[in-house]
């Protein structure tokens, strides 16, 4: 089912428009307060926009202007919302919880239970159909919640951080399950985890302050980010600069030759993995290598490596190197990388 969406909510500084193709899964990411949950609640009908219009496969979800306000009730939208918590009815068994959706859509009790059993089997919970939520683990309850959401046969599935409340040992299995059930199904998933976007989404939309700042195919957005948040999600350094007659030049003085011509003055971005950035106390030079000098801003321990921040770059180095070079905030160093390890592209 296709979705067209545009909504304005001035009191939340929210102004977002996008389209969702039939069978497409869209991952919505962004920092806290970016407007991710607002987007879901508007689509689900739990919140009304000040202005805007949304259609799901030709059905109007809302159409609000200064002169009229058309708001389809949530239960008539053909949308299912799967939240962080399972939110199962505590007095109903797993089977009855899953059958609730089909029943609310008019199915007879026997048919609804048959549909519920099919979905419980599909999510691996068929043997626990008679248990109540209090008798289920967190991972089991969330599997039942997935079955309940899908048993209602929604035109659009909304997922709000569906793995956030799960133990790290349980989340991978449910992520695999979601990848299977979302195939060829229209869905929007709000998440903080870039792994969810990599494995579940066809396309990514990044929000900041209620606006779209990046959007596109998942592989493109997470390999060629244009915002600091997108770069952090992708685990990359992002340095902005412009094209000069000599190549790429950043405000921090970093210069890198360009593999492809770009008009002088054109805005460019350079990305490089922290693991590919070397740190030294003396400037290194040579063909195919660029470096920049600066004082260290911060040093943070990250398990088996230490991340050093300077000149707008992050470098992952071994703890022994930190000790040997006396790396600490305020110490002058040089950070550099091989040109082949960096990617430069237009913004």
Protein backbone atom coordinates (compact mmCIF):
# COMPACT_ATOMS: atom_id res chain seq x y z
CA UNK A 1 0.00 0.00 0.00
CA UNK A 2 1.34 3.45 -0.91
CA UNK A 3 1.35 6.37 1.52
CA UNK A 4 1.60 10.08 0.83
CA UNK A 5 2.15 12.22 3.91
CA UNK A 6 2.53 15.89 4.69
CA UNK A 7 1.84 17.40 8.09
CA UNK A 8 2.53 20.68 9.83
CA UNK A 9 2.41 21.05 13.61
CA UNK A 10 3.85 24.46 14.56
CA UNK A 11 3.71 23.90 18.33
CA UNK A 12 6.16 21.02 17.87
CA UNK A 13 8.14 22.70 15.05
CA UNK A 14 7.13 19.73 12.89
CA UNK A 15 6.97 20.11 9.10
CA UNK A 16 7.48 16.82 7.25
CA UNK A 17 6.47 15.42 3.87
CA UNK A 18 7.34 12.09 2.28
CA UNK A 19 5.97 9.24 0.16
CA UNK A 20 6.06 5.51 0.88
CA UNK A 21 5.94 3.09 -2.04
CA UNK A 22 3.89 -0.14 -1.92
CA UNK A 23 5.78 -2.88 -0.06
CA UNK A 24 8.48 -0.47 1.11
CA UNK A 25 9.91 -0.30 4.63
CA UNK A 26 11.02 3.17 5.71
CA UNK A 27 13.33 3.65 8.71
CA UNK A 28 12.94 6.98 10.52
CA UNK A 29 15.94 8.01 12.60
CA UNK A 30 17.03 11.12 14.45
CA UNK A 31 18.05 12.42 17.87
CA UNK A 32 15.63 12.66 20.79
CA UNK A 33 12.99 15.29 20.15
CA UNK A 34 13.48 15.21 16.38
CA UNK A 35 9.82 14.39 15.70
CA UNK A 36 9.97 10.62 15.10
CA UNK A 37 7.17 9.70 17.50
CA UNK A 38 5.13 12.68 16.32
CA UNK A 39 5.27 11.28 12.79
CA UNK A 40 3.98 7.87 13.92
CA UNK A 41 1.17 9.27 16.07
CA UNK A 42 0.01 11.48 13.19
CA UNK A 43 -0.15 8.50 10.83
CA UNK A 44 -1.84 6.32 13.45
CA UNK A 45 -4.48 8.97 14.19
CA UNK A 46 -3.48 9.56 17.81
CA UNK A 47 -2.60 13.16 16.99
CA UNK A 48 -4.09 15.66 14.54
CA UNK A 49 -1.98 18.05 12.46
CA UNK A 50 -2.56 21.79 12.29
CA UNK A 51 -2.40 21.45 8.54
CA UNK A 52 -1.67 18.69 6.05
CA UNK A 53 -2.93 15.68 4.18
CA UNK A 54 -2.17 11.96 4.24
CA UNK A 55 -3.53 9.19 2.02
CA UNK A 56 -3.01 5.45 2.37
CA UNK A 57 -3.66 3.69 -0.92
CA UNK A 58 -6.20 6.37 -1.84
CA UNK A 59 -7.91 6.44 1.56
CA UNK A 60 -7.70 9.83 3.29
CA UNK A 61 -6.20 9.51 6.78
CA UNK A 62 -6.41 13.24 7.41
CA UNK A 63 -6.99 16.37 5.36
CA UNK A 64 -6.69 19.52 7.43
CA UNK A 65 -6.72 23.09 6.13
CA UNK A 66 -7.84 26.44 7.49
CA UNK A 67 -11.33 25.72 6.13
CA UNK A 68 -11.87 22.03 6.82
CA UNK A 69 -10.74 19.15 8.99
CA UNK A 70 -11.17 15.55 7.85
CA UNK A 71 -9.81 13.03 10.36
CA UNK A 72 -10.38 9.31 9.87
CA UNK A 73 -10.72 7.44 13.17
CA UNK A 74 -7.67 5.34 14.11
CA UNK A 75 -9.61 2.07 13.96
CA UNK A 76 -10.70 2.80 10.39
CA UNK A 77 -7.25 3.71 9.04
CA UNK A 78 -5.96 0.21 8.33
CA UNK A 79 -2.86 0.94 10.40
CA UNK A 80 -1.29 -1.16 13.19
CA UNK A 81 1.13 0.32 15.71
CA UNK A 82 3.72 -1.89 17.39
CA UNK A 83 5.24 -0.03 20.34
CA UNK A 84 8.41 -0.54 22.40
CA UNK A 85 6.43 -2.42 25.04
CA UNK A 86 4.25 -5.35 24.03
CA UNK A 87 1.14 -3.78 25.68
CA UNK A 88 -0.77 -7.05 25.57
CA UNK A 89 -4.15 -7.31 27.27
CA UNK A 90 -3.20 -8.89 30.63
CA UNK A 91 -6.51 -10.74 31.07
CA UNK A 92 -6.35 -12.46 27.66
CA UNK A 93 -4.26 -15.40 26.52
CA UNK A 94 -1.71 -15.00 23.74
CA UNK A 95 -4.23 -16.55 21.32
CA UNK A 96 -7.00 -14.18 22.39
CA UNK A 97 -4.66 -11.19 22.18
CA UNK A 98 -3.77 -12.01 18.59
CA UNK A 99 -7.38 -12.80 17.68
CA UNK A 100 -8.48 -9.38 18.91
CA UNK A 101 -7.46 -7.67 15.66
CA UNK A 102 -9.33 -9.97 13.28
CA UNK A 103 -12.35 -9.91 15.59
CA UNK A 104 -12.37 -6.09 15.59
CA UNK A 105 -12.36 -6.21 11.77
CA UNK A 106 -15.52 -8.32 11.79
CA UNK A 107 -14.20 -11.91 11.59
CA UNK A 108 -16.21 -14.59 13.39
CA UNK A 109 -14.64 -16.01 16.54
CA UNK A 110 -13.57 -19.30 14.91
CA UNK A 111 -12.02 -17.58 11.90
CA UNK A 112 -10.26 -15.01 14.11
CA UNK A 113 -8.77 -17.77 16.27
CA UNK A 114 -7.62 -19.63 13.19
CA UNK A 115 -5.89 -16.50 11.92
CA UNK A 116 -4.35 -15.98 15.36
CA UNK A 117 -2.99 -19.54 15.49
CA UNK A 118 -1.43 -19.12 12.05
CA UNK A 119 0.39 -15.96 13.13
CA UNK A 120 1.46 -17.39 16.47
CA UNK A 121 2.96 -20.35 14.63
CA UNK A 122 4.72 -18.00 12.24
CA UNK A 123 6.38 -16.05 15.06
CA UNK A 124 7.29 -19.26 16.89
CA UNK A 125 4.77 -18.88 19.71
CA UNK A 126 2.19 -21.53 18.76
CA UNK A 127 3.01 -23.75 21.73
CA UNK A 128 2.45 -20.87 24.17
CA UNK A 129 -0.93 -19.78 22.78
CA UNK A 130 -2.76 -20.51 26.05
CA UNK A 131 -0.42 -18.46 28.25
CA UNK A 132 -1.27 -15.04 29.60
CA UNK A 133 1.19 -12.11 29.27
CA UNK A 134 2.39 -12.50 32.87
CA UNK A 135 3.59 -16.00 31.97
CA UNK A 136 5.69 -14.81 29.02
CA UNK A 137 9.22 -13.41 28.88
CA UNK A 138 9.84 -9.99 27.34
CA UNK A 139 10.95 -11.51 24.05
CA UNK A 140 7.98 -13.89 23.95
CA UNK A 141 5.53 -11.07 24.69
CA UNK A 142 6.99 -8.94 21.91
CA UNK A 143 6.64 -11.85 19.46
CA UNK A 144 2.97 -12.11 20.42
CA UNK A 145 2.66 -8.34 19.90
CA UNK A 146 4.13 -8.73 16.39
CA UNK A 147 1.60 -11.48 15.66
CA UNK A 148 -1.25 -9.32 16.99
CA UNK A 149 -0.22 -6.36 14.83
CA UNK A 150 -0.01 -8.46 11.68
CA UNK A 151 -3.10 -10.57 12.33
CA UNK A 152 -5.17 -7.42 11.90
CA UNK A 153 -3.94 -7.41 8.27
CA UNK A 154 -3.00 -3.73 8.31
CA UNK A 155 -2.40 -1.79 5.13
CA UNK A 156 0.49 -0.11 6.96
CA UNK A 157 2.53 -1.34 9.92
CA UNK A 158 4.09 1.23 12.26
CA UNK A 159 6.91 0.12 14.56
CA UNK A 160 8.08 2.40 17.37
CA UNK A 161 11.46 1.17 18.66
CA UNK A 162 10.18 -2.45 18.69
CA UNK A 163 13.51 -3.85 19.90
CA UNK A 164 14.49 -1.15 22.41
CA UNK A 165 12.98 -2.89 25.45
CA UNK A 166 14.46 -6.30 24.66
CA UNK A 167 17.58 -7.93 26.05
CA UNK A 168 20.53 -7.93 23.65
CA UNK A 169 20.35 -11.72 23.52
CA UNK A 170 16.70 -11.61 22.37
CA UNK A 171 16.76 -8.68 19.95
CA UNK A 172 18.66 -10.42 17.09
CA UNK A 173 16.07 -13.20 16.82
CA UNK A 174 13.18 -10.73 16.73
CA UNK A 175 15.04 -8.57 14.20
CA UNK A 176 15.33 -11.63 11.96
CA UNK A 177 11.62 -12.31 12.42
CA UNK A 178 10.74 -8.74 11.49
CA UNK A 179 12.92 -8.93 8.39
CA UNK A 180 10.89 -11.94 7.25
CA UNK A 181 7.42 -10.55 8.00
CA UNK A 182 8.18 -7.10 6.59
CA UNK A 183 9.15 -8.47 3.18
CA UNK A 184 6.86 -6.84 0.58
CA UNK A 185 4.88 -5.11 3.35
CA UNK A 186 4.45 -1.35 3.73
CA UNK A 187 5.96 -0.31 7.05
CA UNK A 188 7.52 2.61 8.93
CA UNK A 189 9.98 1.82 11.69
CA UNK A 190 11.25 4.41 14.15
CA UNK A 191 14.58 3.40 15.62
CA UNK A 192 17.81 4.64 17.20
CA UNK A 193 19.73 1.59 16.04
CA UNK A 194 21.37 1.85 12.60
CA UNK A 195 21.42 -1.96 12.47
CA UNK A 196 17.61 -1.89 12.24
CA UNK A 197 17.89 0.41 9.25
CA UNK A 198 20.57 -1.70 7.58
CA UNK A 199 18.67 -4.97 7.97
CA UNK A 200 15.02 -3.95 7.82
CA UNK A 201 14.62 -0.80 5.72
CA UNK A 202 14.63 -0.10 2.01
CA UNK A 203 14.89 3.62 2.61
CA UNK A 204 16.00 5.92 5.43
CA UNK A 205 14.63 9.28 6.55
CA UNK A 206 16.57 11.30 9.15
CA UNK A 207 14.77 13.98 11.15
CA UNK A 208 16.25 16.83 13.14
CA UNK A 209 14.15 19.51 14.86
CA UNK A 210 11.00 18.37 13.08
CA UNK A 211 12.50 18.58 9.59
CA UNK A 212 13.90 16.04 7.13
CA UNK A 213 17.66 16.56 6.85
CA UNK A 214 18.55 13.37 4.94
CA UNK A 215 16.52 10.88 2.92
CA UNK A 216 17.24 8.18 0.40
CA UNK A 217 18.10 4.54 -0.10
CA UNK A 218 19.49 2.97 3.07
CA UNK A 219 22.87 2.09 1.58
CA UNK A 220 23.30 5.61 0.18
CA UNK A 221 22.35 7.53 3.33
CA UNK A 222 24.45 5.34 5.62
CA UNK A 223 27.52 5.34 3.39
CA UNK A 224 27.37 8.95 2.14
CA UNK A 225 25.90 10.95 5.03
CA UNK A 226 25.57 14.73 4.80
CA UNK A 227 24.82 15.53 8.47
CA UNK A 228 26.80 14.84 11.66
CA UNK A 229 23.97 12.66 12.99
CA UNK A 230 23.93 10.57 9.82
CA UNK A 231 27.69 10.19 10.04
CA UNK A 232 27.49 8.99 13.65
CA UNK A 233 24.88 6.43 12.66
CA UNK A 234 27.14 5.19 9.89
CA UNK A 235 30.20 5.13 12.15
CA UNK A 236 32.06 7.59 9.92
CA UNK A 237 33.98 10.83 10.24
CA UNK A 238 32.29 13.58 8.23
CA UNK A 239 34.30 16.63 7.19
CA UNK A 240 32.66 19.36 5.14
CA UNK A 241 34.64 21.45 2.70
CA UNK A 242 34.70 22.74 -0.83
CA UNK A 243 36.37 22.15 -4.15
CA UNK A 244 39.51 24.15 -4.91
CA UNK A 245 41.85 24.03 -7.93
CA UNK A 246 43.99 21.59 -5.88
CA UNK A 247 41.09 19.36 -4.78
CA UNK A 248 39.08 19.12 -1.53
CA UNK A 249 39.83 21.57 1.26
CA UNK A 250 38.19 21.72 4.69
CA UNK A 251 38.03 24.61 7.16
CA UNK A 252 40.50 22.77 9.43
CA UNK A 253 43.13 22.89 6.69
CA UNK A 254 42.79 19.29 5.55
CA UNK A 255 43.44 18.88 1.82
CA UNK A 256 42.77 15.83 -0.35
CA UNK A 257 43.04 15.54 -4.14
CA UNK A 258 39.83 14.73 -6.01
CA UNK A 259 39.42 11.58 -8.06
CA UNK A 260 36.68 13.30 -10.08
CA UNK A 261 36.43 16.92 -11.18
CA UNK A 262 34.20 19.27 -9.19
CA UNK A 263 33.51 22.95 -9.92
CA UNK A 264 35.65 25.28 -7.82
CA UNK A 265 33.64 26.39 -4.79
CA UNK A 266 31.27 23.40 -4.88
CA UNK A 267 30.28 22.05 -1.44
CA UNK A 268 31.80 18.65 -0.76
CA UNK A 269 31.82 16.13 2.07
CA UNK A 270 34.61 13.74 3.02
CA UNK A 271 34.04 10.58 5.03
CA UNK A 272 36.59 8.21 6.53
CA UNK A 273 36.32 5.48 9.16
CA UNK A 274 37.91 6.27 12.56
CA UNK A 275 39.82 2.98 12.29
CA UNK A 276 41.52 4.29 9.14
CA UNK A 277 42.75 7.51 10.77
CA UNK A 278 46.30 7.43 12.13
CA UNK A 279 47.55 9.61 15.00
CA UNK A 280 51.16 10.71 15.40
CA UNK A 281 53.17 13.40 17.19
CA UNK A 282 54.97 14.43 14.00
CA UNK A 283 53.57 15.35 10.60
CA UNK A 284 53.63 12.54 8.09
CA UNK A 285 53.74 13.19 4.37
CA UNK A 286 53.89 11.18 1.23
CA UNK A 287 52.00 10.44 -1.92
CA UNK A 288 48.48 9.25 -1.30
CA UNK A 289 48.39 10.50 2.32
CA UNK A 290 46.91 13.63 3.92
CA UNK A 291 47.14 14.88 7.49
CA UNK A 292 46.21 17.87 9.63
CA UNK A 293 47.60 19.10 12.93
CA UNK A 294 45.56 20.05 15.99
CA UNK A 295 45.34 19.72 19.73
CA UNK A 296 43.44 16.73 21.12
CA UNK A 297 39.91 17.65 22.21
CA UNK A 298 38.97 14.40 23.96
CA UNK A 299 40.12 10.84 24.58
CA UNK A 300 37.55 8.12 25.31
CA UNK A 301 38.02 4.45 26.11
CA UNK A 302 35.96 2.09 23.94
CA UNK A 303 36.66 -1.48 24.95
CA UNK A 304 39.65 -2.75 22.99
CA UNK A 305 40.54 0.67 21.53
CA UNK A 306 40.69 4.35 22.43
CA UNK A 307 38.97 7.03 20.37
CA UNK A 308 40.94 10.25 19.99
CA UNK A 309 39.14 13.44 18.86
CA UNK A 310 40.94 16.35 17.22
CA UNK A 311 40.49 18.71 14.26
CA UNK A 312 36.92 17.50 13.78
CA UNK A 313 38.12 13.92 13.26
CA UNK A 314 37.95 10.80 15.39
CA UNK A 315 40.67 8.15 15.31
CA UNK A 316 40.60 4.69 16.87
CA UNK A 317 44.00 3.72 18.26
CA UNK A 318 45.37 0.96 20.48
CA UNK A 319 45.64 1.73 24.23
CA UNK A 320 49.39 1.09 24.06
CA UNK A 321 49.76 3.84 21.45
CA UNK A 322 47.91 6.29 23.70
CA UNK A 323 50.40 5.62 26.47
CA UNK A 324 53.46 5.64 24.18
CA UNK A 325 52.52 8.97 22.57
CA UNK A 326 51.19 10.57 25.75
CA UNK A 327 47.83 11.34 24.18
CA UNK A 328 45.64 13.56 26.36
CA UNK A 329 43.38 16.58 25.86
CA UNK A 330 45.44 19.59 24.83
CA UNK A 331 48.36 17.59 23.42
CA UNK A 332 49.26 18.56 19.83
CA UNK A 333 49.06 15.70 17.33
CA UNK A 334 48.65 15.03 13.62
CA UNK A 335 45.77 12.98 12.23
CA UNK A 336 45.98 11.52 8.77
CA UNK A 337 44.72 8.84 6.42
CA UNK A 338 45.35 7.31 3.03
CA UNK A 339 43.38 8.87 0.20
CA UNK A 340 42.09 5.44 -0.82
CA UNK A 341 40.41 5.10 2.59
CA UNK A 342 38.40 8.31 2.21
CA UNK A 343 35.35 9.11 0.11
CA UNK A 344 34.66 12.60 -1.22
CA UNK A 345 31.28 13.47 -2.72
CA UNK A 346 29.09 16.52 -3.42
CA UNK A 347 26.65 17.68 -0.77
